[in-house]
N, C-alpha and C. Protein backbone atom coordinates (compact mmCIF):
# COMPACT_ATOMS: atom_id res chain seq x y z
N MET A 1 1.57 15.75 -2.46
CA MET A 1 3.24 14.92 -2.24
C MET A 1 2.14 13.98 -1.30
N ILE A 2 3.49 13.19 -1.55
CA ILE A 2 3.58 11.44 -0.82
C ILE A 2 4.87 11.21 -0.59
N ILE A 3 4.64 11.30 1.18
CA ILE A 3 6.02 11.12 1.80
C ILE A 3 6.66 9.43 2.13
N LEU A 4 7.22 8.64 2.13
CA LEU A 4 7.60 7.65 2.78
C LEU A 4 7.78 7.09 3.39
N THR A 5 8.12 6.32 4.44
CA THR A 5 9.13 6.25 5.50
C THR A 5 9.59 5.51 5.47
N ALA A 6 11.22 5.75 5.46
CA ALA A 6 12.27 4.26 5.47
C ALA A 6 11.30 2.49 5.90
N GLU A 7 11.26 2.21 6.50
CA GLU A 7 10.40 1.72 6.16
C GLU A 7 9.07 0.91 5.00
N VAL A 8 8.53 2.03 5.01
CA VAL A 8 7.58 1.66 4.11
C VAL A 8 8.08 1.33 2.59
N LEU A 9 9.65 2.72 2.45
CA LEU A 9 9.97 2.19 1.06
C LEU A 9 10.91 0.80 0.97
N LYS A 10 11.59 -0.19 1.98
CA LYS A 10 11.80 -1.24 2.15
C LYS A 10 11.14 -1.58 1.89
N MET A 11 9.76 -2.22 2.13
CA MET A 11 9.35 -3.19 1.75
C MET A 11 8.74 -3.14 0.42
N LEU A 12 8.18 -1.76 0.47
CA LEU A 12 7.67 -1.70 -1.57
C LEU A 12 9.22 -2.62 -2.05
N LYS A 13 10.27 -1.58 -1.14
CA LYS A 13 11.12 -2.80 -2.21
C LYS A 13 11.53 -4.01 -2.23
N MET A 14 11.30 -4.67 -1.37
CA MET A 14 10.95 -6.29 -0.83
C MET A 14 9.78 -6.63 -1.78
N ALA A 15 8.66 -5.73 -2.38
CA ALA A 15 7.53 -6.59 -2.81
C ALA A 15 8.35 -5.65 -4.55
N CYS A 16 8.74 -5.31 -4.92
CA CYS A 16 9.62 -4.79 -6.68
C CYS A 16 10.19 -6.01 -6.86
N LYS A 17 11.48 -6.38 -5.23
CA LYS A 17 12.08 -7.77 -5.85
C LYS A 17 10.88 -8.81 -6.15
N GLU A 18 10.30 -9.71 -5.24
CA GLU A 18 9.54 -10.46 -5.20
C GLU A 18 8.35 -11.03 -6.67
N HIS A 19 8.58 -9.37 -7.29
CA HIS A 19 7.45 -10.39 -8.88
C HIS A 19 7.96 -8.45 -9.68
N PRO A 20 9.35 -8.70 -10.13
CA PRO A 20 9.80 -7.82 -10.89
C PRO A 20 9.16 -7.37 -12.29
N SER A 21 8.67 -8.61 -12.34
CA SER A 21 7.83 -7.61 -14.10
C SER A 21 6.31 -8.18 -14.05
N LYS A 22 5.61 -7.80 -12.61
CA LYS A 22 4.92 -8.05 -12.76
C LYS A 22 3.65 -6.70 -11.40
N GLU A 23 2.70 -6.25 -11.70
CA GLU A 23 2.80 -5.49 -10.89
C GLU A 23 1.79 -5.43 -9.76
N PHE A 24 1.25 -4.93 -8.86
CA PHE A 24 1.08 -5.79 -7.67
C PHE A 24 0.43 -4.38 -6.71
N THR A 25 -1.27 -5.11 -6.01
CA THR A 25 -1.73 -3.45 -5.87
C THR A 25 -1.32 -3.32 -3.46
N GLY A 26 -1.89 -2.54 -3.58
CA GLY A 26 -1.74 -2.57 -1.50
C GLY A 26 -2.22 -1.00 -1.42
N PHE A 27 -2.81 -1.91 -0.10
CA PHE A 27 -2.74 0.32 0.36
C PHE A 27 -1.98 0.40 1.90
N GLY A 28 -2.47 1.74 1.90
CA GLY A 28 -1.57 2.83 3.16
C GLY A 28 -2.16 3.32 3.51
N ARG A 29 -1.06 3.31 5.21
CA ARG A 29 -2.11 3.90 5.94
C ARG A 29 -0.98 5.63 5.89
N THR A 30 -2.00 5.89 5.94
CA THR A 30 -1.27 7.80 6.13
C THR A 30 -1.79 8.64 7.13
N ILE A 31 -0.62 9.78 6.97
CA ILE A 31 -0.83 10.35 8.36
C ILE A 31 -0.77 12.29 7.00
N VAL A 32 -1.36 12.54 7.34
CA VAL A 32 -1.84 13.88 7.14
C VAL A 32 -0.76 15.45 7.30
N THR A 33 0.20 15.90 6.82
CA THR A 33 0.60 16.72 7.31
C THR A 33 1.04 17.60 6.33
N GLU A 34 2.06 18.62 6.38
CA GLU A 34 1.84 20.31 5.71
C GLU A 34 3.73 19.91 5.67
N ARG A 35 3.60 19.61 4.06
CA ARG A 35 6.08 20.00 4.11
C ARG A 35 5.56 20.80 3.14
N ASP A 36 6.26 22.97 2.85
CA ASP A 36 6.94 23.51 2.62
C ASP A 36 5.99 24.24 2.02
N GLY A 37 4.59 24.72 3.18
CA GLY A 37 3.31 25.04 2.75
C GLY A 37 2.72 23.84 2.23
N LYS A 38 2.83 23.14 1.58
CA LYS A 38 1.35 21.97 1.36
C LYS A 38 1.15 21.02 1.83
N LEU A 39 0.23 20.83 1.71
CA LEU A 39 -0.37 19.31 2.17
C LEU A 39 0.00 18.00 1.20
N ALA A 40 0.67 17.10 2.54
CA ALA A 40 1.16 16.07 2.38
C ALA A 40 1.04 13.37 2.73
N HIS A 41 0.80 14.21 2.53
CA HIS A 41 0.23 12.22 3.01
C HIS A 41 2.03 12.16 2.94
N ARG A 42 1.88 11.41 4.52
CA ARG A 42 2.98 10.42 4.97
C ARG A 42 2.64 9.54 5.60
N VAL A 43 2.95 8.19 4.26
CA VAL A 43 2.88 6.47 4.21
C VAL A 43 3.52 6.67 5.34
N ILE A 44 2.65 5.31 7.04
CA ILE A 44 3.43 5.00 7.72
C ILE A 44 3.78 3.82 8.03
N ASP A 45 2.51 2.65 6.69
CA ASP A 45 2.12 1.48 6.78
C ASP A 45 1.20 0.94 6.01
N ILE A 46 2.58 0.25 5.64
CA ILE A 46 1.36 -0.60 4.59
C ILE A 46 0.45 -1.73 4.13
N ILE A 47 -0.27 -2.19 3.16
CA ILE A 47 -0.49 -3.97 3.47
C ILE A 47 -0.68 -4.33 2.08
N ILE A 48 -0.18 -5.08 1.76
CA ILE A 48 -0.05 -5.73 0.49
C ILE A 48 -0.95 -7.26 0.52
N PRO A 49 -2.31 -6.55 0.07
CA PRO A 49 -2.89 -7.98 0.41
C PRO A 49 -2.40 -9.35 -1.18
N PRO A 50 -3.20 -10.37 -0.33
CA PRO A 50 -2.92 -11.24 -1.40
C PRO A 50 -4.37 -11.50 -2.36
N GLN A 51 -2.98 -10.80 -3.95
CA GLN A 51 -4.40 -10.94 -5.15
C GLN A 51 -3.37 -11.61 -6.42
N THR A 52 -3.70 -11.39 -7.18
CA THR A 52 -4.36 -12.31 -9.33
C THR A 52 -2.87 -11.14 -9.72
N VAL A 53 -2.20 -11.29 -9.16
CA VAL A 53 -1.45 -10.65 -10.77
C VAL A 53 -0.61 -10.71 -11.58
N THR A 54 -0.84 -9.58 -12.75
CA THR A 54 -0.23 -10.67 -14.32
C THR A 54 0.43 -8.60 -14.90
N GLY A 55 1.74 -9.00 -16.03
CA GLY A 55 2.32 -7.41 -15.97
C GLY A 55 1.93 -6.12 -16.51
N ALA A 56 0.25 -7.25 -16.71
CA ALA A 56 0.00 -5.59 -17.30
C ALA A 56 -1.52 -5.24 -15.67
N SER A 57 -2.17 -6.39 -15.27
CA SER A 57 -3.61 -6.04 -14.11
C SER A 57 -3.64 -7.07 -13.28
N VAL A 58 -3.93 -6.64 -12.53
CA VAL A 58 -3.91 -6.55 -10.37
C VAL A 58 -6.06 -6.72 -10.60
N ASP A 59 -6.12 -8.27 -10.13
CA ASP A 59 -7.21 -8.61 -9.73
C ASP A 59 -7.86 -8.03 -8.02
N VAL A 60 -8.43 -7.01 -7.45
CA VAL A 60 -9.39 -6.40 -6.72
C VAL A 60 -9.93 -7.77 -6.32
N THR A 61 -10.54 -8.38 -5.84
CA THR A 61 -11.41 -9.79 -5.27
C THR A 61 -11.83 -8.88 -3.32
N ILE A 62 -13.41 -9.42 -3.69
CA ILE A 62 -14.36 -8.67 -2.82
C ILE A 62 -13.43 -10.07 -1.18
N GLU A 63 -12.50 -10.79 -1.39
CA GLU A 63 -11.70 -12.05 -0.94
C GLU A 63 -10.30 -10.42 -0.66
N THR A 64 -10.26 -9.92 -1.00
CA THR A 64 -9.08 -9.51 -1.69
C THR A 64 -9.10 -8.41 0.26
N ILE A 65 -10.11 -7.45 -0.39
CA ILE A 65 -11.20 -6.00 0.76
C ILE A 65 -11.51 -6.97 2.26
N ALA A 66 -11.73 -8.42 1.95
CA ALA A 66 -11.56 -9.33 3.90
C ALA A 66 -10.32 -9.52 3.77
N ALA A 67 -9.17 -9.56 2.92
CA ALA A 67 -7.71 -10.09 3.97
C ALA A 67 -7.34 -9.13 4.40
N VAL A 68 -7.99 -7.60 4.19
CA VAL A 68 -6.98 -6.78 4.22
C VAL A 68 -7.65 -5.66 5.59
N ALA A 69 -9.79 -5.78 5.92
CA ALA A 69 -9.66 -5.51 6.56
C ALA A 69 -9.43 -7.10 8.07
N ALA A 70 -9.21 -7.94 8.12
CA ALA A 70 -8.32 -8.65 7.91
C ALA A 70 -7.71 -8.36 9.52
N GLU A 71 -6.77 -8.09 7.78
CA GLU A 71 -5.06 -7.94 8.48
C GLU A 71 -5.35 -6.34 9.80
N LEU A 72 -5.93 -5.27 9.04
CA LEU A 72 -6.33 -4.31 9.68
C LEU A 72 -6.69 -4.79 11.07
N ALA A 73 -8.04 -5.83 11.31
CA ALA A 73 -8.45 -5.90 12.95
C ALA A 73 -6.61 -7.47 13.61
N LYS A 74 -6.45 -7.44 13.24
CA LYS A 74 -5.21 -7.59 13.48
C LYS A 74 -3.83 -7.10 14.26
N ARG A 75 -4.18 -5.53 13.38
CA ARG A 75 -3.26 -4.32 14.58
C ARG A 75 -3.93 -3.37 14.68
N LYS A 76 -5.32 -3.84 15.27
CA LYS A 76 -6.07 -3.37 16.23
C LYS A 76 -6.07 -1.80 14.99
N ARG A 77 -6.27 -1.30 13.83
CA ARG A 77 -6.49 -0.36 13.76
C ARG A 77 -7.78 -0.74 12.73
N THR A 78 -8.85 0.93 12.43
CA THR A 78 -9.44 1.19 11.95
C THR A 78 -9.19 1.75 10.45
N ILE A 79 -10.80 2.01 9.68
CA ILE A 79 -9.62 2.21 8.18
C ILE A 79 -9.95 3.33 8.04
N SER A 80 -10.61 4.06 9.63
CA SER A 80 -9.79 6.19 9.40
C SER A 80 -9.02 6.96 8.58
N ASP A 81 -7.43 5.87 8.52
CA ASP A 81 -6.36 6.71 8.34
C ASP A 81 -5.45 5.57 7.30
N TRP A 82 -6.26 4.94 6.62
CA TRP A 82 -6.18 4.46 5.76
C TRP A 82 -6.45 4.91 4.43
N ARG A 83 -6.07 5.72 3.80
CA ARG A 83 -6.25 7.25 2.35
C ARG A 83 -5.61 6.28 1.48
N LEU A 84 -4.85 5.07 1.49
CA LEU A 84 -4.14 5.09 -0.09
C LEU A 84 -4.34 4.24 -1.12
N TRP A 85 -4.45 4.22 -2.13
CA TRP A 85 -4.60 3.05 -2.54
C TRP A 85 -3.69 3.16 -4.15
N TRP A 86 -3.07 1.89 -3.81
CA TRP A 86 -2.02 1.55 -5.64
C TRP A 86 -1.58 0.81 -5.73
N HIS A 87 -0.47 0.38 -7.00
CA HIS A 87 0.12 0.04 -7.49
C HIS A 87 1.44 0.09 -8.05
N SER A 88 1.47 -1.10 -8.38
CA SER A 88 3.20 -0.65 -8.89
C SER A 88 3.45 -0.72 -10.31
N HIS A 89 4.40 -0.48 -10.66
CA HIS A 89 4.78 -0.78 -11.93
C HIS A 89 6.55 -0.73 -12.01
N CYS A 90 7.10 -2.11 -11.56
CA CYS A 90 8.48 -1.76 -10.93
C CYS A 90 9.45 -1.99 -11.75
N ASN A 91 8.73 -2.46 -12.99
CA ASN A 91 9.83 -2.49 -14.24
C ASN A 91 10.18 -1.51 -14.57
């Protein structure tokens, strides 16, 4: 189960408004919890890095990964709790 915080949901909705007919990808920081007796990942932060997108694909390059690493360093975070890699289907 994946649970989004209100702030993460707001960020995703804004990104979908920016790219209404295109796919895009991002990474999420999660906390593993339990809900209704099952493990759940609560997404508490996301990064949507620079990327090349189309209506059907997302290109994640080494430069994209470097941008994510730089953003994590800027936030003084480690990669250990960034367990989520996702892509959109906004339409």
